[in-house]
């Protein structure tokens, strides 16, 4: 449930910190005092749409934080999405700056607004004051039935299956319309793939073959050069190694006279050893140099073939293997999509899969429709619509993304009248009462711990209002319920009563919310009963309503 709400610089709220308890709580106040601002601020913290216009005048940013009591489902969600878990609580925060930029936080860690909204939907369910207007739309009626029955995921599966089926229908139509051009394209790809498959280029082959060609084409000059080097070092009439040996002998004799020549002798010895190693390495190299004219011709032929293919397919020679892979993939895709019989088979399978899911959804909707109709009918009796009834009709329709039926709400306002579409029969007051009954019943079926009703009791008065209060109070026995109301009969049923008022601060309006004690509740209920002039009679009536 919602434990605390902190609001900074939001619309006409400068600073506000509220603590909430369980059960049924109400917010009341004069028209224009800003009763719905608290709901709007909370909706923003839950991932609602945010704009710079919500920032209080002359403030840099709006900042809203909401702390909720956690539960097992919330802990699982936090763990799955890699957010830290605080013992027993979860904190949601939203900041919007003057440029309209939004930042979201979950337990102090930056999150996306989508994540904030996803978590928020698990924590709070908000029923707006215009909820009854949406009941006039067929789409809203269908969504309400699915949400009430927990069928939203099944409906999404049906929608996905429908999209797959329709995509294959379009593919079949496109194939039939473009069969001639598709055949020509397929023949072109087959020829290109065949040409490249004959060549069979391999990854890295071009680099390897150019290196081999360079080595083979220069084999003669490499051999001659290596032999000349060996001759100079060790095999000529006066090789360097022999001359160096004679020089070492002469200097050795001189070193006997002057030992300062010894370091030079060491350097010459090192040079002689390295020259010997060089001569040995050259001999080894000569033994491995490949003088193979036939191999050279084969390599040149392969290079010519790859050059020719590269020009033909307009790619570098080293990318021929990639061109073969790409063209093969295109041919495979075209072959698959170009097989009309295979396409028709896939289309039939997709249709069968859709109908199986849609029929299962239809069966579940039928059960849910009967249960919802009975529950709303029972609630209508409590809301002074004695003898009235409510039903959810499922009309078969052509296959659509939402299933095989249209959902329609039917109502009979009182005994002796037949069921007719809700949009054509219900008066404003009846529609408000039916909408409230549906909201309460739908909320009873959810596991959302906090329910908020924003003036959903508009259009209701008298004894019905007292019944509405009792309904909300009963709902508050199982979960936390917050209600913005203008009805004293509803407000008097609450366990907590908050009053919203508007004051002047530095010449500007500022909204504030106070938790009322018993005496203050009497005054507020009396105001709601009698207007600005509060008399002893209205106070007495307020006490009676509060059972004081």
Protein backbone atom coordinates (compact mmCIF):
# COMPACT_ATOMS: atom_id res chain seq x y z
CA UNK A 1 0.00 0.00 0.00
CA UNK A 2 0.97 3.68 -0.29
CA UNK A 3 2.79 4.77 2.87
CA UNK A 4 4.12 8.26 2.11
CA UNK A 5 3.88 10.81 -0.68
CA UNK A 6 6.25 13.79 -1.02
CA UNK A 7 5.53 16.53 -3.53
CA UNK A 8 7.79 19.47 -4.40
CA UNK A 9 6.82 22.34 -6.72
CA UNK A 10 3.99 20.57 -8.54
CA UNK A 11 1.29 22.79 -10.11
CA UNK A 12 0.21 24.88 -7.05
CA UNK A 13 1.84 22.68 -4.39
CA UNK A 14 5.14 24.00 -3.03
CA UNK A 15 5.99 21.44 -0.34
CA UNK A 16 3.83 18.55 0.80
CA UNK A 17 4.58 15.41 2.81
CA UNK A 18 1.74 12.99 3.56
CA UNK A 19 1.54 9.73 5.50
CA UNK A 20 -1.20 7.25 4.65
CA UNK A 21 -2.70 4.36 6.55
CA UNK A 22 -4.59 1.31 5.39
CA UNK A 23 -8.31 1.01 4.81
CA UNK A 24 -10.55 3.69 3.33
CA UNK A 25 -9.34 7.33 3.16
CA UNK A 26 -10.95 10.37 1.54
CA UNK A 27 -9.80 13.76 0.27
CA UNK A 28 -12.30 16.61 0.30
CA UNK A 29 -12.22 20.37 -0.17
CA UNK A 30 -13.68 23.36 -1.97
CA UNK A 31 -14.00 23.28 -5.73
CA UNK A 32 -10.72 24.48 -7.26
CA UNK A 33 -8.70 23.77 -4.12
CA UNK A 34 -6.70 21.13 -5.96
CA UNK A 35 -8.17 17.84 -4.72
CA UNK A 36 -7.11 15.99 -7.83
CA UNK A 37 -3.57 17.43 -7.78
CA UNK A 38 -2.50 14.75 -5.32
CA UNK A 39 -3.82 12.05 -7.68
CA UNK A 40 -2.10 13.70 -10.64
CA UNK A 41 1.20 13.89 -8.74
CA UNK A 42 0.95 10.24 -7.72
CA UNK A 43 0.12 9.25 -11.31
CA UNK A 44 3.31 11.03 -12.42
CA UNK A 45 5.37 9.10 -9.87
CA UNK A 46 3.79 5.90 -11.22
CA UNK A 47 5.07 6.59 -14.75
CA UNK A 48 2.36 8.85 -16.14
CA UNK A 49 3.00 11.42 -18.83
CA UNK A 50 4.99 14.42 -17.61
CA UNK A 51 5.43 17.89 -19.10
CA UNK A 52 7.12 21.11 -18.02
CA UNK A 53 3.66 22.65 -17.49
CA UNK A 54 3.26 20.69 -14.21
CA UNK A 55 6.12 22.63 -12.58
CA UNK A 56 5.03 25.31 -10.13
CA UNK A 57 5.56 28.84 -11.44
CA UNK A 58 9.17 30.12 -11.04
CA UNK A 59 10.39 26.70 -9.81
CA UNK A 60 13.28 24.82 -11.47
CA UNK A 61 11.69 21.37 -11.36
CA UNK A 62 8.89 19.24 -9.97
CA UNK A 63 9.89 16.33 -7.73
CA UNK A 64 7.49 13.61 -6.56
CA UNK A 65 8.40 10.60 -4.42
CA UNK A 66 6.07 7.79 -3.32
CA UNK A 67 6.94 5.06 -0.83
CA UNK A 68 4.96 1.82 -0.91
CA UNK A 69 4.86 -1.25 1.22
CA UNK A 70 6.36 -4.06 -0.83
CA UNK A 71 5.08 -7.59 -1.38
CA UNK A 72 6.33 -10.84 -2.86
CA UNK A 73 5.35 -9.98 -6.45
CA UNK A 74 7.12 -6.60 -6.19
CA UNK A 75 10.27 -8.24 -4.78
CA UNK A 76 10.32 -10.70 -7.69
CA UNK A 77 9.93 -7.82 -10.18
CA UNK A 78 12.77 -5.85 -8.57
CA UNK A 79 15.07 -8.87 -8.65
CA UNK A 80 14.20 -9.68 -12.28
CA UNK A 81 14.92 -6.10 -13.35
CA UNK A 82 18.15 -5.76 -11.30
CA UNK A 83 16.92 -3.10 -8.87
CA UNK A 84 18.05 -3.10 -5.22
CA UNK A 85 15.53 -4.38 -2.71
CA UNK A 86 14.80 -2.55 0.52
CA UNK A 87 13.29 -4.49 3.36
CA UNK A 88 9.52 -4.20 3.11
CA UNK A 89 9.42 -0.97 1.04
CA UNK A 90 9.77 0.24 -2.54
CA UNK A 91 10.42 3.89 -3.45
CA UNK A 92 9.30 5.47 -6.75
CA UNK A 93 10.49 8.94 -7.74
CA UNK A 94 9.94 11.22 -10.74
CA UNK A 95 11.67 14.52 -11.50
CA UNK A 96 10.70 16.87 -14.35
CA UNK A 97 12.77 19.97 -15.11
CA UNK A 98 11.76 23.23 -16.77
CA UNK A 99 12.90 21.96 -20.18
CA UNK A 100 10.43 19.08 -19.94
CA UNK A 101 13.14 16.45 -19.36
CA UNK A 102 12.06 13.60 -17.14
CA UNK A 103 14.07 11.34 -14.84
CA UNK A 104 12.73 8.26 -13.08
CA UNK A 105 14.10 6.34 -10.11
CA UNK A 106 13.25 3.05 -8.41
CA UNK A 107 14.79 2.55 -4.96
CA UNK A 108 17.26 5.33 -5.74
CA UNK A 109 18.47 3.79 -9.01
CA UNK A 110 17.79 5.43 -12.38
CA UNK A 111 15.07 3.62 -14.33
CA UNK A 112 13.11 4.12 -17.53
CA UNK A 113 9.62 5.60 -17.41
CA UNK A 114 8.37 2.33 -18.89
CA UNK A 115 9.80 0.40 -15.93
CA UNK A 116 8.27 2.94 -13.54
CA UNK A 117 4.89 2.51 -15.22
CA UNK A 118 5.14 -1.29 -15.21
CA UNK A 119 5.91 -1.35 -11.50
CA UNK A 120 3.28 1.31 -10.81
CA UNK A 121 0.56 -0.82 -12.38
CA UNK A 122 1.38 -3.52 -9.83
CA UNK A 123 1.03 -1.05 -6.95
CA UNK A 124 -1.89 1.26 -7.74
CA UNK A 125 -5.10 1.15 -9.78
CA UNK A 126 -6.58 4.61 -10.50
CA UNK A 127 -10.22 5.05 -11.50
CA UNK A 128 -10.71 8.52 -12.97
CA UNK A 129 -13.74 10.75 -12.70
CA UNK A 130 -14.48 10.31 -16.41
CA UNK A 131 -14.37 6.50 -16.31
CA UNK A 132 -18.08 6.28 -17.11
CA UNK A 133 -17.51 8.06 -20.42
CA UNK A 134 -15.16 5.33 -21.63
CA UNK A 135 -17.88 2.74 -20.94
CA UNK A 136 -19.63 4.05 -24.05
CA UNK A 137 -16.84 2.67 -26.27
CA UNK A 138 -16.88 -0.95 -27.44
CA UNK A 139 -13.10 -1.18 -27.14
CA UNK A 140 -13.18 -0.02 -23.51
CA UNK A 141 -15.93 -2.51 -22.68
CA UNK A 142 -13.89 -5.37 -24.14
CA UNK A 143 -10.72 -4.29 -22.32
CA UNK A 144 -12.61 -3.96 -19.03
CA UNK A 145 -14.02 -7.48 -19.36
CA UNK A 146 -10.59 -8.92 -20.21
CA UNK A 147 -8.86 -7.06 -17.38
CA UNK A 148 -11.53 -8.09 -14.88
CA UNK A 149 -11.19 -11.74 -15.89
CA UNK A 150 -7.40 -11.71 -16.12
CA UNK A 151 -7.51 -12.39 -19.85
CA UNK A 152 -5.27 -9.54 -21.06
CA UNK A 153 -2.31 -11.85 -21.73
CA UNK A 154 -4.54 -14.29 -23.64
CA UNK A 155 -5.97 -11.41 -25.69
CA UNK A 156 -2.43 -10.29 -26.56
CA UNK A 157 -1.58 -13.82 -27.77
CA UNK A 158 -4.66 -13.75 -29.98
CA UNK A 159 -3.61 -10.35 -31.38
CA UNK A 160 -0.11 -11.63 -32.16
CA UNK A 161 -1.49 -14.75 -33.86
CA UNK A 162 -3.84 -12.57 -35.92
CA UNK A 163 -0.97 -10.34 -37.07
CA UNK A 164 1.07 -13.40 -38.13
CA UNK A 165 -1.88 -14.77 -40.08
CA UNK A 166 -2.57 -11.45 -41.81
CA UNK A 167 1.09 -11.03 -42.74
CA UNK A 168 1.02 -14.40 -44.53
CA UNK A 169 -2.21 -13.43 -46.32
CA UNK A 170 -0.50 -10.28 -47.61
CA UNK A 171 2.55 -12.32 -48.63
CA UNK A 172 0.38 -14.68 -50.66
CA UNK A 173 -1.35 -11.76 -52.38
CA UNK A 174 1.97 -10.13 -53.17
CA UNK A 175 3.32 -13.37 -54.60
CA UNK A 176 0.30 -13.85 -56.83
CA UNK A 177 0.48 -10.24 -58.02
CA UNK A 178 4.23 -10.31 -58.66
CA UNK A 179 4.71 -13.93 -59.73
CA UNK A 180 6.31 -13.04 -63.10
CA UNK A 181 8.87 -10.59 -61.73
CA UNK A 182 9.60 -12.91 -58.78
CA UNK A 183 10.36 -15.76 -61.20
CA UNK A 184 12.78 -13.57 -63.17
CA UNK A 185 14.52 -12.48 -60.00
CA UNK A 186 14.79 -16.07 -58.85
CA UNK A 187 16.37 -17.14 -62.15
CA UNK A 188 18.87 -14.29 -61.92
CA UNK A 189 19.85 -15.26 -58.38
CA UNK A 190 20.13 -18.94 -59.31
CA UNK A 191 22.58 -18.07 -62.13
CA UNK A 192 24.66 -15.82 -59.86
CA UNK A 193 24.81 -18.38 -57.06
CA UNK A 194 25.73 -21.11 -59.57
CA UNK A 195 28.61 -19.02 -60.98
CA UNK A 196 30.02 -18.31 -57.54
CA UNK A 197 29.54 -21.88 -56.32
CA UNK A 198 31.66 -23.07 -59.27
CA UNK A 199 34.39 -20.64 -58.22
CA UNK A 200 33.89 -21.62 -54.54
CA UNK A 201 35.77 -18.66 -53.01
CA UNK A 202 36.93 -19.15 -49.42
CA UNK A 203 37.36 -16.64 -46.64
CA UNK A 204 40.97 -15.35 -46.62
CA UNK A 205 41.79 -17.12 -49.90
CA UNK A 206 42.60 -13.95 -51.87
CA UNK A 207 45.24 -12.78 -49.40
CA UNK A 208 46.84 -16.24 -49.26
CA UNK A 209 46.92 -16.69 -53.02
CA UNK A 210 48.39 -13.25 -53.74
CA UNK A 211 51.15 -13.92 -51.26
CA UNK A 212 51.88 -17.30 -52.87
CA UNK A 213 51.92 -15.71 -56.35
CA UNK A 214 54.40 -13.09 -55.24
CA UNK A 215 56.66 -15.78 -53.83
CA UNK A 216 56.46 -18.06 -56.90
CA UNK A 217 56.91 -15.27 -59.45
CA UNK A 218 60.08 -14.05 -57.72
CA UNK A 219 61.55 -17.50 -57.02
CA UNK A 220 64.40 -17.18 -59.61
CA UNK A 221 65.56 -13.78 -58.39
CA UNK A 222 65.27 -14.93 -54.80
CA UNK A 223 67.48 -17.96 -55.55
CA UNK A 224 70.10 -15.93 -57.43
CA UNK A 225 70.25 -13.32 -54.71
CA UNK A 226 70.62 -15.91 -51.97
CA UNK A 227 73.38 -17.74 -53.84
CA UNK A 228 75.30 -14.51 -54.45
CA UNK A 229 75.12 -13.71 -50.77
CA UNK A 230 76.45 -17.16 -49.80
CA UNK A 231 79.31 -16.78 -52.31
CA UNK A 232 80.37 -13.46 -50.82
CA UNK A 233 80.19 -14.86 -47.31
CA UNK A 234 81.84 -18.27 -47.71
CA UNK A 235 82.34 -19.61 -51.24
CA UNK A 236 84.18 -16.99 -53.36
CA UNK A 237 87.97 -16.83 -53.92
CA UNK A 238 88.27 -14.42 -51.04
CA UNK A 239 85.14 -14.91 -48.89
CA UNK A 240 84.37 -12.53 -46.04
CA UNK A 241 84.62 -15.27 -43.45
CA UNK A 242 88.20 -16.15 -44.58
CA UNK A 243 89.28 -12.52 -44.67
CA UNK A 244 87.81 -11.96 -41.24
CA UNK A 245 89.67 -15.03 -39.89
CA UNK A 246 93.02 -13.73 -41.25
CA UNK A 247 92.32 -10.32 -39.75
CA UNK A 248 91.64 -11.90 -36.36
CA UNK A 249 94.98 -13.77 -36.50
CA UNK A 250 96.97 -10.60 -37.26
CA UNK A 251 95.29 -8.58 -34.52
CA UNK A 252 95.73 -11.45 -32.07
CA UNK A 253 99.50 -11.22 -32.51
CA UNK A 254 99.38 -7.46 -32.01
CA UNK A 255 97.21 -7.94 -28.89
CA UNK A 256 100.09 -9.82 -27.35
CA UNK A 257 102.00 -6.54 -27.51
CA UNK A 258 99.07 -4.26 -26.55
CA UNK A 259 96.15 -5.85 -24.64
CA UNK A 260 93.92 -2.86 -25.38
CA UNK A 261 93.14 -4.63 -28.70
CA UNK A 262 91.42 -7.52 -26.89
CA UNK A 263 87.96 -5.87 -26.86
CA UNK A 264 88.23 -5.40 -30.62
CA UNK A 265 89.11 -9.08 -31.05
CA UNK A 266 85.98 -10.01 -29.12
CA UNK A 267 83.83 -7.85 -31.41
CA UNK A 268 85.36 -9.47 -34.52
CA UNK A 269 84.73 -12.94 -33.08
CA UNK A 270 81.09 -12.05 -32.49
CA UNK A 271 80.79 -10.76 -36.07
CA UNK A 272 82.35 -13.94 -37.46
CA UNK A 273 79.85 -16.12 -35.57
CA UNK A 274 76.88 -14.07 -36.85
CA UNK A 275 78.18 -14.24 -40.46
CA UNK A 276 78.47 -18.03 -40.14
CA UNK A 277 74.85 -18.20 -38.91
CA UNK A 278 73.75 -15.98 -41.81
CA UNK A 279 75.47 -18.31 -44.31
CA UNK A 280 73.81 -21.36 -42.73
CA UNK A 281 70.37 -19.68 -42.79
CA UNK A 282 70.80 -18.77 -46.47
CA UNK A 283 71.63 -22.40 -47.30
CA UNK A 284 68.48 -23.54 -45.52
CA UNK A 285 66.41 -20.90 -47.36
CA UNK A 286 67.81 -22.04 -50.74
CA UNK A 287 66.81 -25.61 -50.03
CA UNK A 288 63.16 -24.48 -49.58
CA UNK A 289 62.74 -21.96 -52.40
CA UNK A 290 60.08 -23.39 -54.73
CA UNK A 291 60.86 -23.15 -58.45
CA UNK A 292 57.58 -24.62 -59.72
CA UNK A 293 56.36 -23.09 -63.03
CA UNK A 294 53.27 -25.36 -63.09
CA UNK A 295 52.15 -24.20 -59.66
CA UNK A 296 52.79 -20.61 -60.67
CA UNK A 297 50.51 -21.06 -63.70
CA UNK A 298 47.75 -22.58 -61.54
CA UNK A 299 47.94 -19.71 -59.08
CA UNK A 300 47.81 -17.12 -61.88
CA UNK A 301 44.77 -18.85 -63.41
CA UNK A 302 42.98 -18.80 -60.01
CA UNK A 303 43.76 -15.13 -59.56
CA UNK A 304 42.42 -14.34 -63.05
CA UNK A 305 39.20 -16.24 -62.29
CA UNK A 306 38.69 -14.39 -59.01
CA UNK A 307 39.47 -11.04 -60.66
CA UNK A 308 36.92 -11.76 -63.37
CA UNK A 309 34.22 -12.75 -60.84
CA UNK A 310 34.97 -9.69 -58.73
CA UNK A 311 34.41 -7.39 -61.73
CA UNK A 312 31.24 -9.26 -62.70
CA UNK A 313 29.68 -9.04 -59.24
CA UNK A 314 31.16 -5.63 -58.44
CA UNK A 315 32.85 -6.59 -55.19
CA UNK A 316 36.53 -6.72 -54.13
CA UNK A 317 38.09 -10.18 -54.74
CA UNK A 318 38.55 -10.70 -51.00
CA UNK A 319 34.75 -10.32 -50.50
CA UNK A 320 33.59 -12.90 -53.05
CA UNK A 321 32.76 -15.41 -50.31
CA UNK A 322 30.52 -12.81 -48.65
CA UNK A 323 28.75 -12.12 -51.95
CA UNK A 324 28.08 -15.87 -52.34
CA UNK A 325 26.59 -16.07 -48.83
CA UNK A 326 24.38 -13.00 -49.37
CA UNK A 327 23.08 -14.14 -52.75
CA UNK A 328 22.43 -17.65 -51.42
CA UNK A 329 20.40 -16.19 -48.54
CA UNK A 330 18.37 -14.03 -50.94
CA UNK A 331 17.71 -17.04 -53.16
CA UNK A 332 16.65 -19.16 -50.17
CA UNK A 333 14.27 -16.46 -48.96
CA UNK A 334 12.82 -15.93 -52.42
CA UNK A 335 12.49 -19.68 -52.96
CA UNK A 336 10.67 -20.05 -49.65
CA UNK A 337 8.37 -17.08 -50.22
CA UNK A 338 8.02 -17.95 -53.87
CA UNK A 339 6.65 -21.39 -53.17
CA UNK A 340 2.96 -20.60 -53.31
CA UNK A 341 1.85 -23.97 -52.01
CA UNK A 342 4.21 -23.70 -49.04
CA UNK A 343 2.95 -20.16 -48.39
CA UNK A 344 -0.65 -21.31 -48.48
CA UNK A 345 0.17 -24.12 -46.08
CA UNK A 346 1.82 -21.71 -43.66
CA UNK A 347 -1.16 -19.35 -43.98
CA UNK A 348 -3.56 -22.19 -43.18
CA UNK A 349 -1.47 -23.19 -40.16
CA UNK A 350 -1.41 -19.58 -38.93
CA UNK A 351 -5.19 -19.31 -39.31
CA UNK A 352 -5.69 -22.56 -37.39
CA UNK A 353 -3.39 -21.34 -34.61
CA UNK A 354 -5.29 -18.03 -34.42
CA UNK A 355 -8.70 -19.69 -34.31
CA UNK A 356 -7.61 -22.12 -31.61
CA UNK A 357 -6.42 -19.26 -29.38
CA UNK A 358 -9.42 -17.06 -30.23
CA UNK A 359 -11.94 -19.82 -29.47
CA UNK A 360 -10.29 -20.50 -26.12
CA UNK A 361 -10.48 -16.77 -25.38
CA UNK A 362 -14.15 -16.74 -26.40
CA UNK A 363 -14.93 -19.51 -23.91
CA UNK A 364 -13.17 -17.64 -21.10
CA UNK A 365 -14.93 -14.41 -22.04
CA UNK A 366 -18.31 -16.15 -21.94
CA UNK A 367 -17.68 -17.31 -18.36
CA UNK A 368 -16.38 -13.89 -17.32
CA UNK A 369 -19.30 -12.10 -18.99
CA UNK A 370 -21.84 -14.12 -17.02
CA UNK A 371 -19.99 -13.54 -13.73
CA UNK A 372 -19.53 -9.80 -14.32
CA UNK A 373 -23.17 -9.38 -15.34
CA UNK A 374 -24.39 -11.05 -12.16
CA UNK A 375 -22.05 -9.08 -9.90
CA UNK A 376 -22.96 -5.69 -11.42
CA UNK A 377 -26.65 -6.56 -11.29
CA UNK A 378 -26.33 -7.29 -7.57
CA UNK A 379 -24.48 -4.01 -7.01
CA UNK A 380 -27.18 -2.09 -8.91
CA UNK A 381 -29.75 -3.20 -6.34
CA UNK A 382 -27.64 -1.61 -3.59
CA UNK A 383 -27.30 1.58 -5.65
CA UNK A 384 -31.08 2.18 -5.75
CA UNK A 385 -31.60 0.59 -9.16
CA UNK A 386 -34.03 -1.96 -7.74
CA UNK A 387 -35.06 -4.53 -10.33
CA UNK A 388 -32.42 -3.32 -12.74
CA UNK A 389 -30.06 -5.69 -14.44
CA UNK A 390 -26.76 -5.68 -16.28
CA UNK A 391 -25.43 -8.12 -18.85
CA UNK A 392 -22.37 -8.54 -21.02
CA UNK A 393 -23.33 -9.67 -24.50
CA UNK A 394 -20.82 -11.35 -26.83
CA UNK A 395 -21.68 -10.84 -30.51
CA UNK A 396 -19.90 -13.15 -33.00
CA UNK A 397 -17.93 -11.23 -35.60
CA UNK A 398 -15.42 -11.81 -38.36
CA UNK A 399 -11.92 -12.70 -37.13
CA UNK A 400 -10.14 -9.62 -35.77
CA UNK A 401 -7.09 -8.83 -33.70
CA UNK A 402 -9.23 -8.84 -30.54
CA UNK A 403 -10.90 -12.19 -31.24
CA UNK A 404 -14.09 -13.65 -32.66
CA UNK A 405 -16.64 -11.51 -30.82
CA UNK A 406 -17.61 -7.94 -30.04
CA UNK A 407 -18.29 -7.16 -26.38
CA UNK A 408 -21.32 -5.04 -25.53
CA UNK A 409 -22.65 -3.93 -22.15
CA UNK A 410 -26.43 -4.07 -21.82
CA UNK A 411 -28.49 -2.55 -19.02
CA UNK A 412 -32.09 -2.42 -17.85
CA UNK A 413 -32.43 0.50 -15.44
CA UNK A 414 -35.37 -0.93 -13.51
CA UNK A 415 -37.79 -3.82 -13.37
CA UNK A 416 -40.03 -4.34 -16.37
CA UNK A 417 -37.62 -2.99 -18.96
CA UNK A 418 -35.61 -5.04 -21.39
CA UNK A 419 -31.86 -5.00 -21.69
CA UNK A 420 -30.57 -2.45 -24.17
CA UNK A 421 -27.08 -1.14 -25.05
CA UNK A 422 -25.60 0.91 -22.22
CA UNK A 423 -24.80 3.84 -24.49
CA UNK A 424 -28.46 4.19 -25.54
CA UNK A 425 -30.43 3.67 -22.34
CA UNK A 426 -28.63 4.83 -19.21
CA UNK A 427 -29.20 8.36 -17.91
CA UNK A 428 -26.28 10.37 -16.55
CA UNK A 429 -26.96 9.32 -12.97
CA UNK A 430 -27.56 5.69 -13.89
CA UNK A 431 -24.37 5.62 -15.96
CA UNK A 432 -22.36 7.04 -13.05
CA UNK A 433 -23.76 4.42 -10.67
CA UNK A 434 -23.13 1.56 -13.11
CA UNK A 435 -19.60 2.80 -13.76
CA UNK A 436 -18.94 2.91 -10.02
CA UNK A 437 -20.37 -0.58 -9.54
CA UNK A 438 -18.15 -1.93 -12.33
CA UNK A 439 -15.09 -0.14 -10.90
CA UNK A 440 -15.66 -1.57 -7.43
CA UNK A 441 -16.31 -5.09 -8.73
CA UNK A 442 -13.38 -5.00 -11.15
CA UNK A 443 -11.12 -3.75 -8.36
CA UNK A 444 -12.27 -6.55 -6.09
CA UNK A 445 -11.03 -9.06 -8.64
CA UNK A 446 -7.51 -7.60 -8.87
CA UNK A 447 -4.54 -8.06 -6.56
CA UNK A 448 -3.49 -4.40 -6.74
CA UNK A 449 -2.94 -3.30 -3.12
CA UNK A 450 -3.95 0.37 -3.54
CA UNK A 451 -7.11 1.61 -5.27
CA UNK A 452 -7.78 5.27 -6.02
CA UNK A 453 -11.18 6.69 -7.00
CA UNK A 454 -11.03 10.25 -8.34
CA UNK A 455 -14.56 11.70 -8.04
CA UNK A 456 -16.13 8.55 -9.49
CA UNK A 457 -19.18 9.35 -7.35
CA UNK A 458 -20.06 12.46 -9.38
CA UNK A 459 -23.71 12.45 -10.45
CA UNK A 460 -24.71 10.52 -7.33
CA UNK A 461 -26.48 11.89 -4.29
CA UNK A 462 -28.92 11.21 -1.49
CA UNK A 463 -29.25 7.72 -0.09
CA UNK A 464 -27.26 6.28 -2.99
CA UNK A 465 -24.24 8.27 -1.85
CA UNK A 466 -24.38 6.59 1.55
CA UNK A 467 -24.47 3.19 -0.14
CA UNK A 468 -21.45 4.20 -2.24
CA UNK A 469 -19.61 5.14 0.93
CA UNK A 470 -20.37 1.76 2.47
CA UNK A 471 -19.20 -0.01 -0.71
CA UNK A 472 -15.89 1.83 -0.66
CA UNK A 473 -15.48 1.22 3.07
CA UNK A 474 -16.13 -2.49 2.55
CA UNK A 475 -13.56 -2.48 -0.25
CA UNK A 476 -11.14 -0.82 2.18
CA UNK A 477 -11.41 -3.79 4.53
CA UNK A 478 -9.29 -5.83 2.09
CA UNK A 479 -6.96 -3.17 0.69
CA UNK A 480 -6.04 0.50 0.76
CA UNK A 481 -8.66 2.76 -0.85
CA UNK A 482 -8.22 6.50 -1.51
CA UNK A 483 -11.17 8.51 -2.78
CA UNK A 484 -11.48 12.13 -3.90
CA UNK A 485 -15.12 13.02 -3.18
CA UNK A 486 -17.53 15.91 -2.80
CA UNK A 487 -20.16 13.82 -1.00
CA UNK A 488 -20.40 14.01 2.83
CA UNK A 489 -22.12 10.61 2.86
CA UNK A 490 -18.99 9.07 1.32
CA UNK A 491 -16.49 11.11 3.34
CA UNK A 492 -18.13 10.15 6.63
CA UNK A 493 -17.37 6.46 6.02
CA UNK A 494 -13.59 6.95 5.81
CA UNK A 495 -11.03 5.91 8.40
CA UNK A 496 -8.75 8.81 7.39
CA UNK A 497 -9.97 12.21 6.18
CA UNK A 498 -7.70 14.67 4.37
CA UNK A 499 -8.81 18.22 3.63
CA UNK A 500 -7.47 20.07 0.60
CA UNK A 501 -7.39 23.87 0.80
CA UNK A 502 -5.89 26.73 -1.21
CA UNK A 503 -4.01 29.57 0.48
CA UNK A 504 -2.15 32.67 -0.64
CA UNK A 505 1.63 32.64 -0.27
CA UNK A 506 3.70 35.56 -1.53
CA UNK A 507 0.74 36.60 -3.64
CA UNK A 508 0.39 33.21 -5.30
CA UNK A 509 -2.06 30.35 -4.69
CA UNK A 510 -0.63 27.35 -2.87
CA UNK A 511 -2.50 24.10 -2.24
CA UNK A 512 -2.15 22.29 1.08
CA UNK A 513 -3.52 19.04 2.47
CA UNK A 514 -4.15 18.36 6.15
CA UNK A 515 -5.14 15.21 8.00
CA UNK A 516 -8.23 16.07 10.05
CA UNK A 517 -8.87 15.11 13.63
CA UNK A 518 -12.37 14.38 14.95
CA UNK A 519 -13.43 17.99 15.58
CA UNK A 520 -12.02 19.12 12.22
CA UNK A 521 -13.85 16.30 10.46
CA UNK A 522 -17.12 17.51 11.99
CA UNK A 523 -16.50 20.99 10.58
CA UNK A 524 -15.56 19.66 7.12
CA UNK A 525 -18.57 17.32 6.91
CA UNK A 526 -20.79 20.20 8.07
CA UNK A 527 -19.30 22.43 5.35
CA UNK A 528 -20.00 19.76 2.74
CA UNK A 529 -23.57 19.50 4.00
CA UNK A 530 -24.41 23.16 4.40
CA UNK A 531 -22.00 25.25 2.37
CA UNK A 532 -20.14 28.26 3.76
CA UNK A 533 -22.60 28.93 6.60
CA UNK A 534 -22.15 26.18 9.17
CA UNK A 535 -24.96 26.02 11.70
CA UNK A 536 -25.53 23.99 14.82
CA UNK A 537 -27.96 21.87 12.83
CA UNK A 538 -25.40 21.00 10.17
CA UNK A 539 -22.81 20.21 12.87
CA UNK A 540 -25.33 17.94 14.58
CA UNK A 541 -26.06 16.23 11.29
CA UNK A 542 -22.30 15.85 10.65
CA UNK A 543 -21.85 14.21 14.08
CA UNK A 544 -24.67 11.82 13.32
CA UNK A 545 -23.07 10.86 9.99
CA UNK A 546 -19.75 10.27 11.77
CA UNK A 547 -21.53 8.32 14.50
CA UNK A 548 -20.00 10.58 17.18
